[in-house]
PDB file of N, CA and C in Angstrom:
ATOM      1  N   MET A   1      58.258  89.937-132.068  1.00  0.00           N
ATOM      2  CA  MET A   1      57.479  88.748-131.286  1.00  0.00           C
ATOM      3  C   MET A   1      57.213  88.847-130.159  1.00  0.00           C
ATOM      4  N   ILE A   2      56.281  88.159-129.478  1.00  0.00           N
ATOM      5  CA  ILE A   2      55.854  88.191-127.873  1.00  0.00           C
ATOM      6  C   ILE A   2      56.076  86.740-127.150  1.00  0.00           C
ATOM      7  N   GLY A   3      57.246  86.821-126.619  1.00  0.00           N
ATOM      8  CA  GLY A   3      57.379  85.583-125.622  1.00  0.00           C
ATOM      9  C   GLY A   3      57.658  84.415-127.051  1.00  0.00           C
ATOM     10  N   GLY A   4      58.103  84.602-127.812  1.00  0.00           N
ATOM     11  CA  GLY A   4      58.386  83.942-128.929  1.00  0.00           C
ATOM     12  C   GLY A   4      57.308  83.170-129.983  1.00  0.00           C
ATOM     13  N   LEU A   5      55.768  83.675-129.541  1.00  0.00           N
ATOM     14  CA  LEU A   5      54.855  83.072-130.224  1.00  0.00           C
ATOM     15  C   LEU A   5      54.309  84.117-131.762  1.00  0.00           C
ATOM     16  N   GLY A   6      54.843  85.394-131.519  1.00  0.00           N
ATOM     17  CA  GLY A   6      54.416  85.940-132.943  1.00  0.00           C
ATOM     18  C   GLY A   6      52.988  86.789-132.312  1.00  0.00           C
ATOM     19  N   LEU A   7      52.242  87.623-132.735  1.00  0.00           N
ATOM     20  CA  LEU A   7      51.414  88.373-132.805  1.00  0.00           C
ATOM     21  C   LEU A   7      50.241  87.242-132.910  1.00  0.00           C
ATOM     22  N   ASP A   8      50.522  86.532-133.890  1.00  0.00           N
ATOM     23  CA  ASP A   8      48.671  85.525-134.117  1.00  0.00           C
ATOM     24  C   ASP A   8      49.223  84.708-133.129  1.00  0.00           C
ATOM     25  N   GLY A   9      50.478  83.999-132.094  1.00  0.00           N
ATOM     26  CA  GLY A   9      50.405  83.167-131.295  1.00  0.00           C
ATOM     27  C   GLY A   9      50.104  83.764-129.840  1.00  0.00           C
ATOM     28  N   ALA A  10      50.232  85.211-129.898  1.00  0.00           N
ATOM     29  CA  ALA A  10      49.517  85.746-128.914  1.00  0.00           C
ATOM     30  C   ALA A  10      48.083  85.954-128.748  1.00  0.00           C
ATOM     31  N   TYR A  11      47.674  86.058-129.944  1.00  0.00           N
ATOM     32  CA  TYR A  11      46.239  86.198-130.257  1.00  0.00           C
ATOM     33  C   TYR A  11      45.354  84.817-130.030  1.00  0.00           C
ATOM     34  N   ASP A  12      46.021  83.971-130.627  1.00  0.00           N
ATOM     35  CA  ASP A  12      45.575  82.515-130.430  1.00  0.00           C
ATOM     36  C   ASP A  12      45.749  82.378-129.051  1.00  0.00           C
ATOM     37  N   THR A  13      46.707  82.776-128.353  1.00  0.00           N
ATOM     38  CA  THR A  13      46.768  81.981-126.953  1.00  0.00           C
ATOM     39  C   THR A  13      45.811  82.695-126.025  1.00  0.00           C
ATOM     40  N   THR A  14      45.574  83.899-125.983  1.00  0.00           N
ATOM     41  CA  THR A  14      44.072  84.823-125.994  1.00  0.00           C
ATOM     42  C   THR A  14      42.925  84.651-125.970  1.00  0.00           C
ATOM     43  N   LEU A  15      42.603  83.727-127.023  1.00  0.00           N
ATOM     44  CA  LEU A  15      41.457  83.561-127.561  1.00  0.00           C
ATOM     45  C   LEU A  15      41.123  82.052-126.693  1.00  0.00           C
ATOM     46  N   ASP A  16      42.531  81.367-126.861  1.00  0.00           N
ATOM     47  CA  ASP A  16      41.683  80.054-126.169  1.00  0.00           C
ATOM     48  C   ASP A  16      41.336  80.457-124.813  1.00  0.00           C
ATOM     49  N   ARG A  17      42.500  81.492-124.008  1.00  0.00           N
ATOM     50  CA  ARG A  17      41.930  81.764-122.509  1.00  0.00           C
ATOM     51  C   ARG A  17      40.672  82.067-122.427  1.00  0.00           C
ATOM     52  N   MET A  18      40.397  83.307-123.436  1.00  0.00           N
ATOM     53  CA  MET A  18      38.323  83.721-123.255  1.00  0.00           C
ATOM     54  C   MET A  18      37.785  82.461-123.469  1.00  0.00           C
ATOM     55  N   ASN A  19      37.885  81.404-124.331  1.00  0.00           N
ATOM     56  CA  ASN A  19      37.003  80.501-124.521  1.00  0.00           C
ATOM     57  C   ASN A  19      36.916  79.707-123.413  1.00  0.00           C
ATOM     58  N   SER A  20      37.631  79.567-122.494  1.00  0.00           N
ATOM     59  CA  SER A  20      37.737  78.910-121.473  1.00  0.00           C
ATOM     60  C   SER A  20      37.559  79.320-120.234  1.00  0.00           C
ATOM     61  N   GLU A  21      37.021  80.863-119.954  1.00  0.00           N
ATOM     62  CA  GLU A  21      36.200  81.495-119.048  1.00  0.00           C
ATOM     63  C   GLU A  21      34.542  81.154-118.994  1.00  0.00           C
ATOM     64  N   GLY A  22      34.513  81.721-117.711  1.00  0.00           N
ATOM     65  CA  GLY A  22      33.097  81.378-117.309  1.00  0.00           C
ATOM     66  C   GLY A  22      32.378  81.490-118.490  1.00  0.00           C
ATOM     67  N   LYS A  23      30.775  80.554-119.021  1.00  0.00           N
ATOM     68  CA  LYS A  23      30.179  80.723-120.122  1.00  0.00           C
ATOM     69  C   LYS A  23      29.710  82.466-120.443  1.00  0.00           C
ATOM     70  N   GLY A  24      29.422  82.849-119.188  1.00  0.00           N
ATOM     71  CA  GLY A  24      28.692  84.430-119.633  1.00  0.00           C
ATOM     72  C   GLY A  24      30.113  85.356-120.221  1.00  0.00           C
ATOM     73  N   LYS A  25      31.161  84.941-119.332  1.00  0.00           N
ATOM     74  CA  LYS A  25      32.544  85.974-119.454  1.00  0.00           C
ATOM     75  C   LYS A  25      32.751  86.005-121.396  1.00  0.00           C
ATOM     76  N   SER A  26      32.853  84.189-121.525  1.00  0.00           N
ATOM     77  CA  SER A  26      33.369  84.147-122.669  1.00  0.00           C
ATOM     78  C   SER A  26      32.316  84.554-123.788  1.00  0.00           C
ATOM     79  N   THR A  27      31.012  84.478-123.880  1.00  0.00           N
ATOM     80  CA  THR A  27      30.170  85.184-124.076  1.00  0.00           C
ATOM     81  C   THR A  27      30.473  86.230-124.979  1.00  0.00           C
ATOM     82  N   LEU A  28      29.842  86.897-123.849  1.00  0.00           N
ATOM     83  CA  LEU A  28      30.752  88.830-123.857  1.00  0.00           C
ATOM     84  C   LEU A  28      31.723  89.366-124.957  1.00  0.00           C
ATOM     85  N   GLY A  29      32.509  88.746-124.224  1.00  0.00           N
ATOM     86  CA  GLY A  29      34.117  88.895-124.753  1.00  0.00           C
ATOM     87  C   GLY A  29      33.744  88.421-126.184  1.00  0.00           C
ATOM     88  N   MET A  30      33.522  87.152-126.550  1.00  0.00           N
ATOM     89  CA  MET A  30      33.295  86.994-128.228  1.00  0.00           C
ATOM     90  C   MET A  30      31.879  87.880-128.862  1.00  0.00           C
ATOM     91  N   ALA A  31      31.306  88.090-128.565  1.00  0.00           N
ATOM     92  CA  ALA A  31      30.550  89.114-129.050  1.00  0.00           C
ATOM     93  C   ALA A  31      30.696  90.104-129.274  1.00  0.00           C
ATOM     94  N   ALA A  32      31.450  90.826-128.047  1.00  0.00           N
ATOM     95  CA  ALA A  32      32.387  92.442-128.800  1.00  0.00           C
ATOM     96  C   ALA A  32      33.223  92.296-129.807  1.00  0.00           C
ATOM     97  N   LEU A  33      34.212  90.955-129.567  1.00  0.00           N
ATOM     98  CA  LEU A  33      35.269  90.908-130.749  1.00  0.00           C
ATOM     99  C   LEU A  33      34.433  90.676-132.001  1.00  0.00           C
ATOM    100  N   MET A  34      33.298  90.425-132.123  1.00  0.00           N
ATOM    101  CA  MET A  34      32.865  90.167-133.625  1.00  0.00           C
ATOM    102  C   MET A  34      32.031  90.946-134.262  1.00  0.00           C
ATOM    103  N   ARG A  35      31.517  92.025-132.873  1.00  0.00           N
ATOM    104  CA  ARG A  35      30.729  93.163-133.361  1.00  0.00           C
ATOM    105  C   ARG A  35      31.743  94.305-133.928  1.00  0.00           C
ATOM    106  N   ILE A  36      32.528  94.864-132.746  1.00  0.00           N
ATOM    107  CA  ILE A  36      33.431  95.692-132.996  1.00  0.00           C
ATOM    108  C   ILE A  36      34.131  96.137-134.174  1.00  0.00           C
ATOM    109  N   PRO A  37      35.053  94.890-134.906  1.00  0.00           N
ATOM    110  CA  PRO A  37      35.258  95.486-136.436  1.00  0.00           C
ATOM    111  C   PRO A  37      34.556  95.623-137.158  1.00  0.00           C
ATOM    112  N   ARG A  38      33.151  95.273-136.915  1.00  0.00           N
ATOM    113  CA  ARG A  38      32.163  95.398-138.294  1.00  0.00           C
ATOM    114  C   ARG A  38      31.141  96.073-138.025  1.00  0.00           C
ATOM    115  N   SER A  39      31.385  96.646-137.502  1.00  0.00           N
ATOM    116  CA  SER A  39      30.732  98.296-136.696  1.00  0.00           C
ATOM    117  C   SER A  39      30.750  99.323-137.699  1.00  0.00           C
ATOM    118  N   GLU A  40      29.581  99.844-138.532  1.00  0.00           N
ATOM    119  CA  GLU A  40      29.835 101.120-139.046  1.00  0.00           C
ATOM    120  C   GLU A  40      29.727 101.962-138.709  1.00  0.00           C
ATOM    121  N   ARG A  41      29.917 102.497-137.205  1.00  0.00           N
ATOM    122  CA  ARG A  41      30.105 103.475-136.577  1.00  0.00           C
ATOM    123  C   ARG A  41      31.188 103.175-135.267  1.00  0.00           C
ATOM    124  N   PRO A  42      31.568 104.040-134.667  1.00  0.00           N
ATOM    125  CA  PRO A  42      31.878 103.788-132.930  1.00  0.00           C
ATOM    126  C   PRO A  42      30.932 103.043-132.386  1.00  0.00           C
ATOM    127  N   MET A  43      31.389 102.222-131.590  1.00  0.00           N
ATOM    128  CA  MET A  43      30.626 101.529-130.800  1.00  0.00           C
ATOM    129  C   MET A  43      30.840 101.721-129.376  1.00  0.00           C
ATOM    130  N   ARG A  44      29.589 102.819-128.461  1.00  0.00           N
ATOM    131  CA  ARG A  44      29.971 102.460-127.479  1.00  0.00           C
ATOM    132  C   ARG A  44      29.290 101.825-126.215  1.00  0.00           C
ATOM    133  N   ILE A  45      30.247 101.532-125.063  1.00  0.00           N
ATOM    134  CA  ILE A  45      29.728 100.834-124.099  1.00  0.00           C
ATOM    135  C   ILE A  45      28.286 100.413-123.855  1.00  0.00           C
ATOM    136  N   GLY A  46      27.974  99.216-123.828  1.00  0.00           N
ATOM    137  CA  GLY A  46      26.736  98.747-123.796  1.00  0.00           C
ATOM    138  C   GLY A  46      25.770  98.565-124.701  1.00  0.00           C
ATOM    139  N   SER A  47      26.604  99.019-125.918  1.00  0.00           N
ATOM    140  CA  SER A  47      26.113  98.523-127.585  1.00  0.00           C
ATOM    141  C   SER A  47      26.929  97.200-128.206  1.00  0.00           C
ATOM    142  N   TYR A  48      27.568  96.580-127.458  1.00  0.00           N
ATOM    143  CA  TYR A  48      28.176  95.686-128.463  1.00  0.00           C
ATOM    144  C   TYR A  48      27.363  94.148-128.033  1.00  0.00           C
ATOM    145  N   ALA A  49      26.630  94.171-126.866  1.00  0.00           N
ATOM    146  CA  ALA A  49      25.878  92.947-126.216  1.00  0.00           C
ATOM    147  C   ALA A  49      24.428  93.284-125.953  1.00  0.00           C
ATOM    148  N   THR A  50      23.701  91.657-126.287  1.00  0.00           N
ATOM    149  CA  THR A  50      22.490  91.947-125.810  1.00  0.00           C
ATOM    150  C   THR A  50      22.251  91.571-124.516  1.00  0.00           C
ATOM    151  N   PRO A  51      20.921  92.213-124.123  1.00  0.00           N
ATOM    152  CA  PRO A  51      20.840  92.048-122.660  1.00  0.00           C
ATOM    153  C   PRO A  51      20.825  90.708-121.756  1.00  0.00           C
ATOM    154  N   ARG A  52      20.888  89.586-122.728  1.00  0.00           N
ATOM    155  CA  ARG A  52      21.054  88.265-122.163  1.00  0.00           C
ATOM    156  C   ARG A  52      22.401  88.297-121.956  1.00  0.00           C
ATOM    157  N   GLN A  53      22.844  88.346-122.892  1.00  0.00           N
ATOM    158  CA  GLN A  53      24.551  88.340-122.754  1.00  0.00           C
ATOM    159  C   GLN A  53      25.215  88.968-121.582  1.00  0.00           C
ATOM    160  N   LEU A  54      24.802  90.076-121.484  1.00  0.00           N
ATOM    161  CA  LEU A  54      24.918  91.254-120.112  1.00  0.00           C
ATOM    162  C   LEU A  54      24.630  90.369-118.918  1.00  0.00           C
ATOM    163  N   ARG A  55      23.380  89.881-118.717  1.00  0.00           N
ATOM    164  CA  ARG A  55      23.115  89.339-117.746  1.00  0.00           C
ATOM    165  C   ARG A  55      23.976  87.962-117.396  1.00  0.00           C
ATOM    166  N   LEU A  56      24.211  87.272-118.436  1.00  0.00           N
ATOM    167  CA  LEU A  56      24.974  85.968-118.084  1.00  0.00           C
ATOM    168  C   LEU A  56      26.647  86.684-117.593  1.00  0.00           C
ATOM    169  N   ALA A  57      27.153  87.690-118.115  1.00  0.00           N
ATOM    170  CA  ALA A  57      28.300  87.868-118.000  1.00  0.00           C
ATOM    171  C   ALA A  57      28.130  88.539-116.254  1.00  0.00           C
ATOM    172  N   LEU A  58      27.475  89.583-116.251  1.00  0.00           N
ATOM    173  CA  LEU A  58      27.617  89.837-114.872  1.00  0.00           C
ATOM    174  C   LEU A  58      27.144  89.352-113.953  1.00  0.00           C
ATOM    175  N   ARG A  59      26.480  88.377-114.095  1.00  0.00           N
ATOM    176  CA  ARG A  59      26.248  86.977-113.120  1.00  0.00           C
ATOM    177  C   ARG A  59      27.605  86.345-112.543  1.00  0.00           C
ATOM    178  N   ASP A  60      28.378  86.447-113.511  1.00  0.00           N
ATOM    179  CA  ASP A  60      29.742  85.257-113.217  1.00  0.00           C
ATOM    180  C   ASP A  60      30.722  86.757-112.401  1.00  0.00           C
ATOM    181  N   MET A  61      30.403  87.966-112.858  1.00  0.00           N
ATOM    182  CA  MET A  61      31.671  88.615-112.076  1.00  0.00           C
ATOM    183  C   MET A  61      30.746  89.647-111.003  1.00  0.00           C
ATOM    184  N   ASP A  62      31.325  90.451-110.364  1.00  0.00           N
ATOM    185  CA  ASP A  62      30.866  91.037-109.045  1.00  0.00           C
ATOM    186  C   ASP A  62      31.814  92.531-109.125  1.00  0.00           C
ATOM    187  N   TYR A  63      30.748  93.435-110.329  1.00  0.00           N
ATOM    188  CA  TYR A  63      31.682  95.165-110.149  1.00  0.00           C
ATOM    189  C   TYR A  63      30.313  95.541-109.873  1.00  0.00           C
ATOM    190  N   ASP A  64      30.598  96.624-109.252  1.00  0.00           N
ATOM    191  CA  ASP A  64      29.824  97.537-108.551  1.00  0.00           C
ATOM    192  C   ASP A  64      29.984  98.993-109.121  1.00  0.00           C
ATOM    193  N   ASN A  65      30.974  99.460-109.767  1.00  0.00           N
ATOM    194  CA  ASN A  65      31.239 100.862-110.036  1.00  0.00           C
ATOM    195  C   ASN A  65      31.510 100.592-111.523  1.00  0.00           C
ATOM    196  N   ASN A  66      30.557 100.838-112.361  1.00  0.00           N
ATOM    197  CA  ASN A  66      30.678 100.771-114.096  1.00  0.00           C
ATOM    198  C   ASN A  66      30.867  99.494-114.650  1.00  0.00           C
ATOM    199  N   PRO A  67      29.718  98.466-114.101  1.00  0.00           N
ATOM    200  CA  PRO A  67      29.733  96.988-114.176  1.00  0.00           C
ATOM    201  C   PRO A  67      29.772  96.659-115.974  1.00  0.00           C
ATOM    202  N   LEU A  68      29.763  97.872-117.070  1.00  0.00           N
ATOM    203  CA  LEU A  68      29.489  96.879-118.121  1.00  0.00           C
ATOM    204  C   LEU A  68      30.850  97.668-118.671  1.00  0.00           C
ATOM    205  N   LYS A  69      31.346  98.444-118.359  1.00  0.00           N
ATOM    206  CA  LYS A  69      32.764  99.133-118.844  1.00  0.00           C
ATOM    207  C   LYS A  69      33.915  97.825-118.044  1.00  0.00           C
ATOM    208  N   LYS A  70      33.822  97.615-116.848  1.00  0.00           N
ATOM    209  CA  LYS A  70      34.439  96.577-116.301  1.00  0.00           C
ATOM    210  C   LYS A  70      34.251  95.075-117.129  1.00  0.00           C
ATOM    211  N   ALA A  71      33.289  94.775-116.885  1.00  0.00           N
ATOM    212  CA  ALA A  71      32.931  93.290-117.784  1.00  0.00           C
ATOM    213  C   ALA A  71      33.293  93.171-119.309  1.00  0.00           C
ATOM    214  N   LEU A  72      33.245  94.342-119.827  1.00  0.00           N
ATOM    215  CA  LEU A  72      33.563  93.908-121.283  1.00  0.00           C
ATOM    216  C   LEU A  72      35.303  94.276-121.257  1.00  0.00           C
ATOM    217  N   LEU A  73      35.902  94.902-120.282  1.00  0.00           N
ATOM    218  CA  LEU A  73      37.374  94.779-120.683  1.00  0.00           C
ATOM    219  C   LEU A  73      37.773  93.605-119.928  1.00  0.00           C
ATOM    220  N   ALA A  74      36.985  92.746-118.868  1.00  0.00           N
ATOM    221  CA  ALA A  74      37.531  91.673-118.158  1.00  0.00           C
ATOM    222  C   ALA A  74      37.311  90.633-119.293  1.00  0.00           C
ATOM    223  N   SER A  75      36.496  90.604-119.895  1.00  0.00           N
ATOM    224  CA  SER A  75      35.781  89.438-120.599  1.00  0.00           C
ATOM    225  C   SER A  75      36.565  89.156-121.842  1.00  0.00           C
ATOM    226  N   CYS A  76      37.323  90.300-122.568  1.00  0.00           N
ATOM    227  CA  CYS A  76      38.162  90.176-123.467  1.00  0.00           C
ATOM    228  C   CYS A  76      39.487  90.552-123.572  1.00  0.00           C
ATOM    229  N   LEU A  77      39.964  90.304-122.317  1.00  0.00           N
ATOM    230  CA  LEU A  77      41.607  90.041-121.687  1.00  0.00           C
ATOM    231  C   LEU A  77      42.198  91.095-122.622  1.00  0.00           C
ATOM    232  N   GLY A  78      41.705  92.041-122.537  1.00  0.00           N
ATOM    233  CA  GLY A  78      43.372  93.115-123.224  1.00  0.00           C
ATOM    234  C   GLY A  78      42.831  93.395-124.598  1.00  0.00           C
ATOM    235  N   LEU A  79      42.131  92.636-124.921  1.00  0.00           N
ATOM    236  CA  LEU A  79      41.915  92.853-126.640  1.00  0.00           C
ATOM    237  C   LEU A  79      41.357  93.862-127.136  1.00  0.00           C
ATOM    238  N   VAL A  80      40.691  94.751-125.874  1.00  0.00           N
ATOM    239  CA  VAL A  80      40.127  95.855-126.497  1.00  0.00           C
ATOM    240  C   VAL A  80      40.184  96.577-125.889  1.00  0.00           C
ATOM    241  N   THR A  81      39.455  98.295-125.909  1.00  0.00           N
ATOM    242  CA  THR A  81      39.867  99.179-125.242  1.00  0.00           C
ATOM    243  C   THR A  81      38.658 100.370-124.921  1.00  0.00           C
ATOM    244  N   VAL A  82      38.703 100.827-124.119  1.00  0.00           N
ATOM    245  CA  VAL A  82      37.578 102.338-123.698  1.00  0.00           C
ATOM    246  C   VAL A  82      38.327 103.241-123.873  1.00  0.00           C
ATOM    247  N   ASP A  83      38.006 104.428-124.802  1.00  0.00           N
ATOM    248  CA  ASP A  83      38.609 105.554-124.640  1.00  0.00           C
ATOM    249  C   ASP A  83      37.773 106.959-123.750  1.00  0.00           C
ATOM    250  N   GLU A  84      37.990 107.700-123.566  1.00  0.00           N
ATOM    251  CA  GLU A  84      37.173 108.804-122.198  1.00  0.00           C
ATOM    252  C   GLU A  84      36.023 109.417-123.255  1.00  0.00           C
ATOM    253  N   SER A  85      35.300 108.804-124.789  1.00  0.00           N
ATOM    254  CA  SER A  85      34.429 109.018-124.698  1.00  0.00           C
ATOM    255  C   SER A  85      33.213 107.698-124.742  1.00  0.00           C
ATOM    256  N   SER A  86      33.808 107.059-123.967  1.00  0.00           N
ATOM    257  CA  SER A  86      33.225 105.899-123.820  1.00  0.00           C
ATOM    258  C   SER A  86      33.173 104.636-125.043  1.00  0.00           C
ATOM    259  N   ILE A  87      34.005 105.113-126.031  1.00  0.00           N
ATOM    260  CA  ILE A  87      34.102 104.388-127.931  1.00  0.00           C
ATOM    261  C   ILE A  87      34.597 103.240-127.513  1.00  0.00           C
ATOM    262  N   VAL A  88      34.316 101.811-127.539  1.00  0.00           N
ATOM    263  CA  VAL A  88      34.747 100.598-127.616  1.00  0.00           C
ATOM    264  C   VAL A  88      35.904 100.479-128.761  1.00  0.00           C
ATOM    265  N   ARG A  89      37.379 100.274-128.679  1.00  0.00           N
ATOM    266  CA  ARG A  89      38.010  99.914-130.016  1.00  0.00           C
ATOM    267  C   ARG A  89      38.962  98.679-129.883  1.00  0.00           C
ATOM    268  N   LEU A  90      39.153  97.957-130.397  1.00  0.00           N
ATOM    269  CA  LEU A  90      40.107  97.064-130.699  1.00  0.00           C
ATOM    270  C   LEU A  90      41.630  97.543-130.184  1.00  0.00           C
ATOM    271  N   VAL A  91      42.302  96.637-129.571  1.00  0.00           N
ATOM    272  CA  VAL A  91      43.831  97.104-128.892  1.00  0.00           C
ATOM    273  C   VAL A  91      44.538  97.355-129.869  1.00  0.00           C
ATOM    274  N   HIS A  92      44.509  97.312-131.378  1.00  0.00           N
ATOM    275  CA  HIS A  92      45.642  97.463-131.964  1.00  0.00           C
ATOM    276  C   HIS A  92      45.068  97.243-133.566  1.00  0.00           C
ATOM    277  N   PHE A  93      45.392  97.571-134.937  1.00  0.00           N
ATOM    278  CA  PHE A  93      44.826  97.744-135.915  1.00  0.00           C
ATOM    279  C   PHE A  93      45.444  95.650-136.287  1.00  0.00           C
ATOM    280  N   SER A  94      46.793  95.527-135.574  1.00  0.00           N
ATOM    281  CA  SER A  94      46.675  93.864-136.622  1.00  0.00           C
ATOM    282  C   SER A  94      45.568  92.880-135.811  1.00  0.00           C
ATOM    283  N   LEU A  95      45.057  93.122-134.718  1.00  0.00           N
ATOM    284  CA  LEU A  95      44.440  92.252-134.105  1.00  0.00           C
ATOM    285  C   LEU A  95      42.883  92.390-135.172  1.00  0.00           C
ATOM    286  N   ARG A  96      42.223  93.520-135.942  1.00  0.00           N
ATOM    287  CA  ARG A  96      41.533  93.343-137.259  1.00  0.00           C
ATOM    288  C   ARG A  96      41.852  92.286-138.454  1.00  0.00           C
ATOM    289  N   GLU A  97      42.984  92.514-138.864  1.00  0.00           N
ATOM    290  CA  GLU A  97      43.663  91.464-139.842  1.00  0.00           C
ATOM    291  C   GLU A  97      43.840  90.260-139.072  1.00  0.00           C
ATOM    292  N   TYR A  98      44.076  90.033-138.115  1.00  0.00           N
ATOM    293  CA  TYR A  98      44.210  88.612-137.391  1.00  0.00           C
ATOM    294  C   TYR A  98      42.574  87.835-137.746  1.00  0.00           C
ATOM    295  N   PHE A  99      41.792  88.689-137.444  1.00  0.00           N
ATOM    296  CA  PHE A  99      40.092  88.078-137.321  1.00  0.00           C
ATOM    297  C   PHE A  99      40.019  87.855-138.968  1.00  0.00           C
ATOM    298  N   ASN A 100      40.445  88.586-139.631  1.00  0.00           N
ATOM    299  CA  ASN A 100      40.104  88.631-141.110  1.00  0.00           C
ATOM    300  C   ASN A 100      40.900  87.397-142.100  1.00  0.00           C
ATOM    301  N   GLN A 101      41.981  86.940-141.255  1.00  0.00           N
ATOM    302  CA  GLN A 101      43.017  85.948-141.828  1.00  0.00           C
ATOM    303  C   GLN A 101      43.190  84.814-141.466  1.00  0.00           C
ATOM    304  N   HIS A 102      42.618  84.623-139.519  1.00  0.00           N
ATOM    305  CA  HIS A 102      43.064  83.612-139.047  1.00  0.00           C
ATOM    306  C   HIS A 102      41.952  82.881-138.279  1.00  0.00           C
ATOM    307  N   THR A 103      41.102  83.674-137.929  1.00  0.00           N
ATOM    308  CA  THR A 103      40.296  83.010-137.267  1.00  0.00           C
ATOM    309  C   THR A 103      38.568  82.490-137.666  1.00  0.00           C
ATOM    310  N   GLU A 104      38.596  81.512-138.248  1.00  0.00           N
ATOM    311  CA  GLU A 104      36.944  80.936-138.853  1.00  0.00           C
ATOM    312  C   GLU A 104      35.659  81.646-138.367  1.00  0.00           C
ATOM    313  N   HIS A 105      35.709  81.262-137.208  1.00  0.00           N
ATOM    314  CA  HIS A 105      34.449  81.823-137.331  1.00  0.00           C
ATOM    315  C   HIS A 105      33.895  83.323-137.067  1.00  0.00           C
ATOM    316  N   PHE A 106      35.134  84.195-136.785  1.00  0.00           N
ATOM    317  CA  PHE A 106      34.922  85.548-137.054  1.00  0.00           C
ATOM    318  C   PHE A 106      35.106  86.042-138.376  1.00  0.00           C
ATOM    319  N   LYS A 107      35.059  84.714-139.534  1.00  0.00           N
ATOM    320  CA  LYS A 107      34.433  85.192-140.842  1.00  0.00           C
ATOM    321  C   LYS A 107      33.454  85.234-141.323  1.00  0.00           C
ATOM    322  N   SER A 108      32.418  84.756-140.383  1.00  0.00           N
ATOM    323  CA  SER A 108      30.805  84.541-140.505  1.00  0.00           C
ATOM    324  C   SER A 108      30.211  84.738-139.045  1.00  0.00           C
ATOM    325  N   PRO A 109      30.675  86.261-138.627  1.00  0.00           N
ATOM    326  CA  PRO A 109      30.250  86.976-137.081  1.00  0.00           C
ATOM    327  C   PRO A 109      28.567  86.440-136.980  1.00  0.00           C
ATOM    328  N   HIS A 110      27.522  86.665-138.101  1.00  0.00           N
ATOM    329  CA  HIS A 110      26.800  86.536-138.037  1.00  0.00           C
ATOM    330  C   HIS A 110      25.983  85.148-137.183  1.00  0.00           C
ATOM    331  N   VAL A 111      26.712  84.513-137.739  1.00  0.00           N
ATOM    332  CA  VAL A 111      26.237  82.810-137.600  1.00  0.00           C
ATOM    333  C   VAL A 111      26.681  82.204-136.471  1.00  0.00           C
ATOM    334  N   ALA A 112      27.868  82.798-136.074  1.00  0.00           N
ATOM    335  CA  ALA A 112      28.630  82.454-134.674  1.00  0.00           C
ATOM    336  C   ALA A 112      27.731  83.346-133.923  1.00  0.00           C
ATOM    337  N   MET A 113      27.308  84.838-133.895  1.00  0.00           N
ATOM    338  CA  MET A 113      26.549  85.260-132.748  1.00  0.00           C
ATOM    339  C   MET A 113      25.163  84.321-132.738  1.00  0.00           C
ATOM    340  N   ALA A 114      24.448  83.954-133.734  1.00  0.00           N
ATOM    341  CA  ALA A 114      23.558  83.456-133.365  1.00  0.00           C
ATOM    342  C   ALA A 114      24.081  81.647-132.813  1.00  0.00           C
ATOM    343  N   VAL A 115      24.474  81.357-132.441  1.00  0.00           N
ATOM    344  CA  VAL A 115      25.019  79.844-131.903  1.00  0.00           C
ATOM    345  C   VAL A 115      25.253  80.551-130.689  1.00  0.00           C
ATOM    346  N   LEU A 116      26.023  81.424-130.334  1.00  0.00           N
ATOM    347  CA  LEU A 116      26.272  81.941-128.818  1.00  0.00           C
ATOM    348  C   LEU A 116      24.720  82.603-128.089  1.00  0.00           C
ATOM    349  N   LEU A 117      24.216  82.844-128.708  1.00  0.00           N
ATOM    350  CA  LEU A 117      22.930  83.374-128.261  1.00  0.00           C
ATOM    351  C   LEU A 117      22.140  82.174-128.544  1.00  0.00           C
ATOM    352  N   ASN A 118      21.938  81.569-128.702  1.00  0.00           N
ATOM    353  CA  ASN A 118      20.900  80.341-128.496  1.00  0.00           C
ATOM    354  C   ASN A 118      21.815  79.077-127.669  1.00  0.00           C
ATOM    355  N   VAL A 119      23.331  79.387-127.031  1.00  0.00           N
ATOM    356  CA  VAL A 119      23.240  78.159-126.462  1.00  0.00           C
ATOM    357  C   VAL A 119      22.616  78.545-124.832  1.00  0.00           C
ATOM    358  N   SER A 120      22.138  77.691-123.899  1.00  0.00           N
ATOM    359  CA  SER A 120      21.964  77.800-122.840  1.00  0.00           C
ATOM    360  C   SER A 120      22.859  77.808-121.715  1.00  0.00           C
TER     361      SER A 120
END
């Protein structure tokens, strides 16, 4: 148990915090979390978001050295990690299970992505 919440509670709290972030940062984080678990091959930095999502997120952040990696890590609030080969992964296998069992919009990621991309 983490702080009395258990893993599900910790993930709920983190996703709530992510959704309350600035629009660009939240959109980028949610896009990455929707795509990473369903990717057929390992995803590298920059392949998890559309150019529009990157523009929105980077507008909200000021990163000069490796902005894509820093933007991804900041927008996902510790739920993803980037290895030495620039491959993006979920921080723990239990997060994939959480998405499959508890979070409704992660069960239909294509619909949710379309909604995220069309919000101005």
